[in-house]
C-alpha atoms as a PDB file:
ATOM      1  CA  MET A   1      33.861   6.598 -43.557  1.00  0.00           C
ATOM      2  CA  ASN A   2      34.465   2.859 -43.888  1.00  0.00           C
ATOM      3  CA  ILE A   3      32.454   0.565 -41.702  1.00  0.00           C
ATOM      4  CA  SER A   4      33.875  -2.641 -40.315  1.00  0.00           C
ATOM      5  CA  LYS A   5      33.011  -6.081 -41.624  1.00  0.00           C
ATOM      6  CA  GLU A   6      31.066  -6.746 -38.400  1.00  0.00           C
ATOM      7  CA  GLU A   7      29.017  -3.592 -38.920  1.00  0.00           C
ATOM      8  CA  GLN A   8      28.336  -4.568 -42.538  1.00  0.00           C
ATOM      9  CA  ILE A   9      27.175  -7.996 -41.387  1.00  0.00           C
ATOM     10  CA  LEU A  10      25.010  -6.404 -38.708  1.00  0.00           C
ATOM     11  CA  GLU A  11      23.422  -4.094 -41.285  1.00  0.00           C
ATOM     12  CA  PHE A  12      22.783  -7.052 -43.581  1.00  0.00           C
ATOM     13  CA  LEU A  13      21.264  -9.150 -40.787  1.00  0.00           C
ATOM     14  CA  ARG A  14      19.008  -6.359 -39.559  1.00  0.00           C
ATOM     15  CA  GLU A  15      17.500  -6.044 -43.015  1.00  0.00           C
ATOM     16  CA  TRP A  16      17.442  -9.828 -43.317  1.00  0.00           C
ATOM     17  CA  LYS A  17      15.236 -10.087 -40.217  1.00  0.00           C
ATOM     18  CA  ALA A  18      12.607  -7.796 -41.784  1.00  0.00           C
ATOM     19  CA  PHE A  19      12.803  -9.679 -45.086  1.00  0.00           C
ATOM     20  CA  ALA A  20      12.575 -13.110 -43.447  1.00  0.00           C
ATOM     21  CA  SER A  21       9.588 -12.076 -41.362  1.00  0.00           C
ATOM     22  CA  GLN A  22       7.761 -10.973 -44.488  1.00  0.00           C
ATOM     23  CA  PHE A  23       8.873 -14.096 -46.373  1.00  0.00           C
ATOM     24  CA  HIS A  24       7.426 -16.339 -43.629  1.00  0.00           C
ATOM     25  CA  ARG A  25       4.176 -14.387 -43.724  1.00  0.00           C
ATOM     26  CA  PHE A  26       3.931 -14.797 -47.486  1.00  0.00           C
ATOM     27  CA  ILE A  27       4.551 -18.525 -47.127  1.00  0.00           C
ATOM     28  CA  ASP A  28       1.777 -18.736 -44.536  1.00  0.00           C
ATOM     29  CA  VAL A  29      -0.685 -16.826 -46.719  1.00  0.00           C
ATOM     30  CA  LEU A  30       0.203 -18.546 -49.979  1.00  0.00           C
ATOM     31  CA  GLY A  31       0.348 -21.944 -48.293  1.00  0.00           C
ATOM     32  CA  MET A  32      -3.401 -21.747 -47.804  1.00  0.00           C
ATOM     33  CA  GLY A  33      -3.818 -22.171 -51.569  1.00  0.00           C
ATOM     34  CA  TRP A  34      -7.306 -20.888 -52.114  1.00  0.00           C
ATOM     35  CA  VAL A  35      -9.115 -19.103 -49.312  1.00  0.00           C
ATOM     36  CA  ASN A  36     -12.804 -19.817 -48.840  1.00  0.00           C
ATOM     37  CA  ASP A  37     -14.522 -16.974 -47.003  1.00  0.00           C
ATOM     38  CA  GLY A  38     -17.901 -18.729 -46.947  1.00  0.00           C
ATOM     39  CA  LYS A  39     -19.172 -16.999 -50.074  1.00  0.00           C
ATOM     40  CA  GLU A  40     -16.793 -17.841 -52.843  1.00  0.00           C
ATOM     41  CA  LYS A  41     -13.216 -18.849 -53.247  1.00  0.00           C
ATOM     42  CA  ARG A  42     -10.675 -16.135 -53.901  1.00  0.00           C
ATOM     43  CA  ASP A  43      -7.096 -16.243 -55.028  1.00  0.00           C
ATOM     44  CA  VAL A  44      -4.625 -15.959 -52.121  1.00  0.00           C
ATOM     45  CA  PHE A  45      -2.331 -13.833 -54.258  1.00  0.00           C
ATOM     46  CA  GLU A  46      -4.922 -11.119 -53.696  1.00  0.00           C
ATOM     47  CA  GLU A  47      -4.269 -11.424 -49.952  1.00  0.00           C
ATOM     48  CA  ILE A  48      -0.873  -9.780 -50.451  1.00  0.00           C
ATOM     49  CA  SER A  49      -1.121  -6.109 -51.331  1.00  0.00           C
ATOM     50  CA  LYS A  50       0.879  -4.452 -54.072  1.00  0.00           C
ATOM     51  CA  GLU A  51       2.723  -2.430 -51.408  1.00  0.00           C
ATOM     52  CA  GLU A  52       3.667  -5.600 -49.511  1.00  0.00           C
ATOM     53  CA  ARG A  53       4.957  -7.217 -52.702  1.00  0.00           C
ATOM     54  CA  GLU A  54       6.984  -4.124 -53.562  1.00  0.00           C
ATOM     55  CA  GLN A  55       8.435  -3.928 -50.050  1.00  0.00           C
ATOM     56  CA  PHE A  56       9.337  -7.636 -50.130  1.00  0.00           C
ATOM     57  CA  PHE A  57      11.152  -7.366 -53.455  1.00  0.00           C
ATOM     58  CA  ASN A  58      12.826  -4.092 -52.442  1.00  0.00           C
ATOM     59  CA  HIS A  59      14.210  -5.864 -49.348  1.00  0.00           C
ATOM     60  CA  ARG A  60      15.274  -8.770 -51.521  1.00  0.00           C
ATOM     61  CA  ASN A  61      17.040  -6.515 -54.017  1.00  0.00           C
ATOM     62  CA  ASN A  62      18.771  -4.511 -51.256  1.00  0.00           C
ATOM     63  CA  LEU A  63      19.928  -7.713 -49.594  1.00  0.00           C
ATOM     64  CA  ARG A  64      21.263  -9.137 -52.849  1.00  0.00           C
ATOM     65  CA  LYS A  65      23.269  -5.939 -53.367  1.00  0.00           C
ATOM     66  CA  LYS A  66      24.565  -5.981 -49.776  1.00  0.00           C
ATOM     67  CA  LEU A  67      25.462  -9.649 -50.119  1.00  0.00           C
ATOM     68  CA  PHE A  68      27.404  -8.869 -53.284  1.00  0.00           C
ATOM     69  CA  PHE A  69      29.450  -6.100 -51.654  1.00  0.00           C
ATOM     70  CA  LEU A  70      29.863  -7.873 -48.316  1.00  0.00           C
ATOM     71  CA  GLY A  71      30.881 -11.135 -49.919  1.00  0.00           C
ATOM     72  CA  GLU A  72      28.826 -14.179 -49.102  1.00  0.00           C
ATOM     73  CA  SER A  73      31.833 -15.968 -47.638  1.00  0.00           C
ATOM     74  CA  ASN A  74      31.819 -13.427 -44.781  1.00  0.00           C
ATOM     75  CA  LEU A  75      28.499 -14.897 -43.655  1.00  0.00           C
ATOM     76  CA  ILE A  76      29.939 -18.383 -43.215  1.00  0.00           C
ATOM     77  CA  PRO A  77      30.537 -18.786 -39.470  1.00  0.00           C
ATOM     78  CA  GLY A  78      32.111 -22.226 -39.823  1.00  0.00           C
ATOM     79  CA  THR A  79      30.476 -25.614 -40.225  1.00  0.00           C
ATOM     80  CA  VAL A  80      26.717 -25.521 -39.727  1.00  0.00           C
ATOM     81  CA  TYR A  81      25.485 -29.107 -39.785  1.00  0.00           C
ATOM     82  CA  SER A  82      21.906 -28.287 -40.759  1.00  0.00           C
ATOM     83  CA  TRP A  83      23.295 -26.542 -43.859  1.00  0.00           C
ATOM     84  CA  GLU A  84      25.539 -29.492 -44.678  1.00  0.00           C
ATOM     85  CA  LYS A  85      22.551 -31.838 -44.347  1.00  0.00           C
ATOM     86  CA  LEU A  86      20.454 -29.660 -46.669  1.00  0.00           C
ATOM     87  CA  LYS A  87      23.175 -29.760 -49.320  1.00  0.00           C
ATOM     88  CA  VAL A  88      23.136 -33.570 -49.159  1.00  0.00           C
ATOM     89  CA  GLU A  89      19.336 -33.766 -49.326  1.00  0.00           C
ATOM     90  CA  TYR A  90      19.147 -31.230 -52.180  1.00  0.00           C
ATOM     91  CA  PRO A  91      22.295 -31.670 -54.285  1.00  0.00           C
ATOM     92  CA  SER A  92      21.239 -28.814 -56.572  1.00  0.00           C
ATOM     93  CA  VAL A  93      22.066 -26.401 -53.742  1.00  0.00           C
ATOM     94  CA  SER A  94      25.708 -27.475 -53.950  1.00  0.00           C
ATOM     95  CA  ASP A  95      25.645 -27.876 -57.711  1.00  0.00           C
ATOM     96  CA  ILE A  96      24.509 -24.281 -58.171  1.00  0.00           C
ATOM     97  CA  GLY A  97      27.198 -23.104 -55.760  1.00  0.00           C
ATOM     98  CA  PHE A  98      25.194 -21.487 -52.983  1.00  0.00           C
ATOM     99  CA  LEU A  99      27.569 -20.761 -50.101  1.00  0.00           C
ATOM    100  CA  THR A 100      24.904 -19.966 -47.493  1.00  0.00           C
ATOM    101  CA  PRO A 101      21.163 -20.333 -47.005  1.00  0.00           C
ATOM    102  CA  PHE A 102      20.901 -16.547 -47.361  1.00  0.00           C
ATOM    103  CA  SER A 103      21.616 -16.728 -51.081  1.00  0.00           C
ATOM    104  CA  VAL A 104      19.208 -19.630 -51.539  1.00  0.00           C
ATOM    105  CA  ALA A 105      16.308 -17.576 -50.176  1.00  0.00           C
ATOM    106  CA  LEU A 106      17.356 -14.471 -52.096  1.00  0.00           C
ATOM    107  CA  GLU A 107      17.003 -16.318 -55.404  1.00  0.00           C
ATOM    108  CA  VAL A 108      13.208 -16.178 -55.113  1.00  0.00           C
ATOM    109  CA  SER A 109      12.181 -13.948 -57.967  1.00  0.00           C
ATOM    110  CA  CYS A 110       8.376 -13.827 -57.837  1.00  0.00           C
ATOM    111  CA  LEU A 111       5.380 -14.707 -55.689  1.00  0.00           C
ATOM    112  CA  VAL A 112       4.796 -17.876 -57.673  1.00  0.00           C
ATOM    113  CA  ASP A 113       8.215 -19.051 -56.454  1.00  0.00           C
ATOM    114  CA  VAL A 114       7.102 -18.347 -52.877  1.00  0.00           C
ATOM    115  CA  PHE A 115       3.914 -20.325 -53.543  1.00  0.00           C
ATOM    116  CA  HIS A 116       5.971 -23.340 -54.640  1.00  0.00           C
ATOM    117  CA  VAL A 117       8.091 -23.054 -51.495  1.00  0.00           C
ATOM    118  CA  THR A 118       4.958 -23.813 -49.450  1.00  0.00           C
ATOM    119  CA  LYS A 119       4.725 -27.351 -50.855  1.00  0.00           C
ATOM    120  CA  PRO A 120       6.872 -29.890 -48.952  1.00  0.00           C
ATOM    121  CA  ASP A 121       7.160 -32.173 -51.986  1.00  0.00           C
ATOM    122  CA  ASP A 122       8.095 -29.412 -54.390  1.00  0.00           C
ATOM    123  CA  LYS A 123      11.555 -29.205 -55.952  1.00  0.00           C
ATOM    124  CA  VAL A 124      12.127 -25.794 -54.338  1.00  0.00           C
ATOM    125  CA  HIS A 125      11.204 -26.797 -50.789  1.00  0.00           C
ATOM    126  CA  HIS A 126      14.888 -26.336 -49.930  1.00  0.00           C
ATOM    127  CA  VAL A 127      14.234 -22.586 -50.010  1.00  0.00           C
ATOM    128  CA  ARG A 128      11.831 -22.853 -47.067  1.00  0.00           C
ATOM    129  CA  VAL A 129      14.236 -25.078 -45.163  1.00  0.00           C
ATOM    130  CA  SER A 130      16.990 -22.537 -45.866  1.00  0.00           C
ATOM    131  CA  LEU A 131      14.955 -19.839 -44.132  1.00  0.00           C
ATOM    132  CA  PHE A 132      15.122 -21.872 -40.937  1.00  0.00           C
ATOM    133  CA  ILE A 133      18.792 -22.769 -41.357  1.00  0.00           C
ATOM    134  CA  VAL A 134      19.592 -19.054 -41.576  1.00  0.00           C
ATOM    135  CA  GLU A 135      18.722 -18.875 -37.877  1.00  0.00           C
ATOM    136  CA  ASP A 136      21.533 -21.369 -37.156  1.00  0.00           C
ATOM    137  CA  PHE A 137      23.901 -19.218 -39.208  1.00  0.00           C
ATOM    138  CA  ILE A 138      22.885 -16.083 -37.308  1.00  0.00           C
ATOM    139  CA  GLU A 139      23.409 -17.845 -33.983  1.00  0.00           C
ATOM    140  CA  HIS A 140      26.887 -19.004 -35.033  1.00  0.00           C
ATOM    141  CA  LEU A 141      27.751 -15.581 -36.445  1.00  0.00           C
ATOM    142  CA  THR A 142      27.053 -14.048 -33.018  1.00  0.00           C
ATOM    143  CA  TYR A 143      29.747 -16.350 -31.613  1.00  0.00           C
ATOM    144  CA  LYS A 144      32.202 -15.313 -34.312  1.00  0.00           C
ATOM    145  CA  TYR A 145      31.404 -11.582 -34.202  1.00  0.00           C
ATOM    146  CA  PRO A 146      30.752 -10.386 -30.636  1.00  0.00           C
ATOM    147  CA  LEU A 147      29.293  -7.061 -31.848  1.00  0.00           C
ATOM    148  CA  LEU A 148      26.298  -8.962 -33.216  1.00  0.00           C
ATOM    149  CA  GLU A 149      25.560 -10.520 -29.839  1.00  0.00           C
ATOM    150  CA  LYS A 150      25.963  -7.231 -27.954  1.00  0.00           C
ATOM    151  CA  LEU A 151      23.322  -5.625 -30.126  1.00  0.00           C
ATOM    152  CA  GLN A 152      20.930  -8.519 -29.435  1.00  0.00           C
ATOM    153  CA  LEU A 153      20.187  -9.270 -33.069  1.00  0.00           C
ATOM    154  CA  ASN A 154      18.489 -12.537 -32.116  1.00  0.00           C
ATOM    155  CA  LYS A 155      15.875 -10.819 -29.935  1.00  0.00           C
END
């Protein structure tokens, strides 16, 4: 049974929400740098369990596969000005050919990459900004595809 493009997008976005939530949590944890618990400093990478890392990268890999089969262009709801601004501020985003902020975030390949995303001055800070711009894309996609709004994806 073939599912519609809207249903494919909905499936992608549902998984995206779980991935993004975990991504934000990792950024929060890794953004602390070193944690001092009063006794001795410990590496924040130890704050993220092996299971959490595996789940994160499983979501990432599933989303990359879904994005491939869905076609990234199907996630472009029209002009999203925050995305256009990001491409001006970080020309490498355009140079590489990212069509949406989804693909920018899905290029993260290891926890060290996530750690670098936590630094505002870092060259990969555009990844963190992309995570927020995705919310604009999701909002605009609900206007374009009414099924997404009916199922209250944004809630």
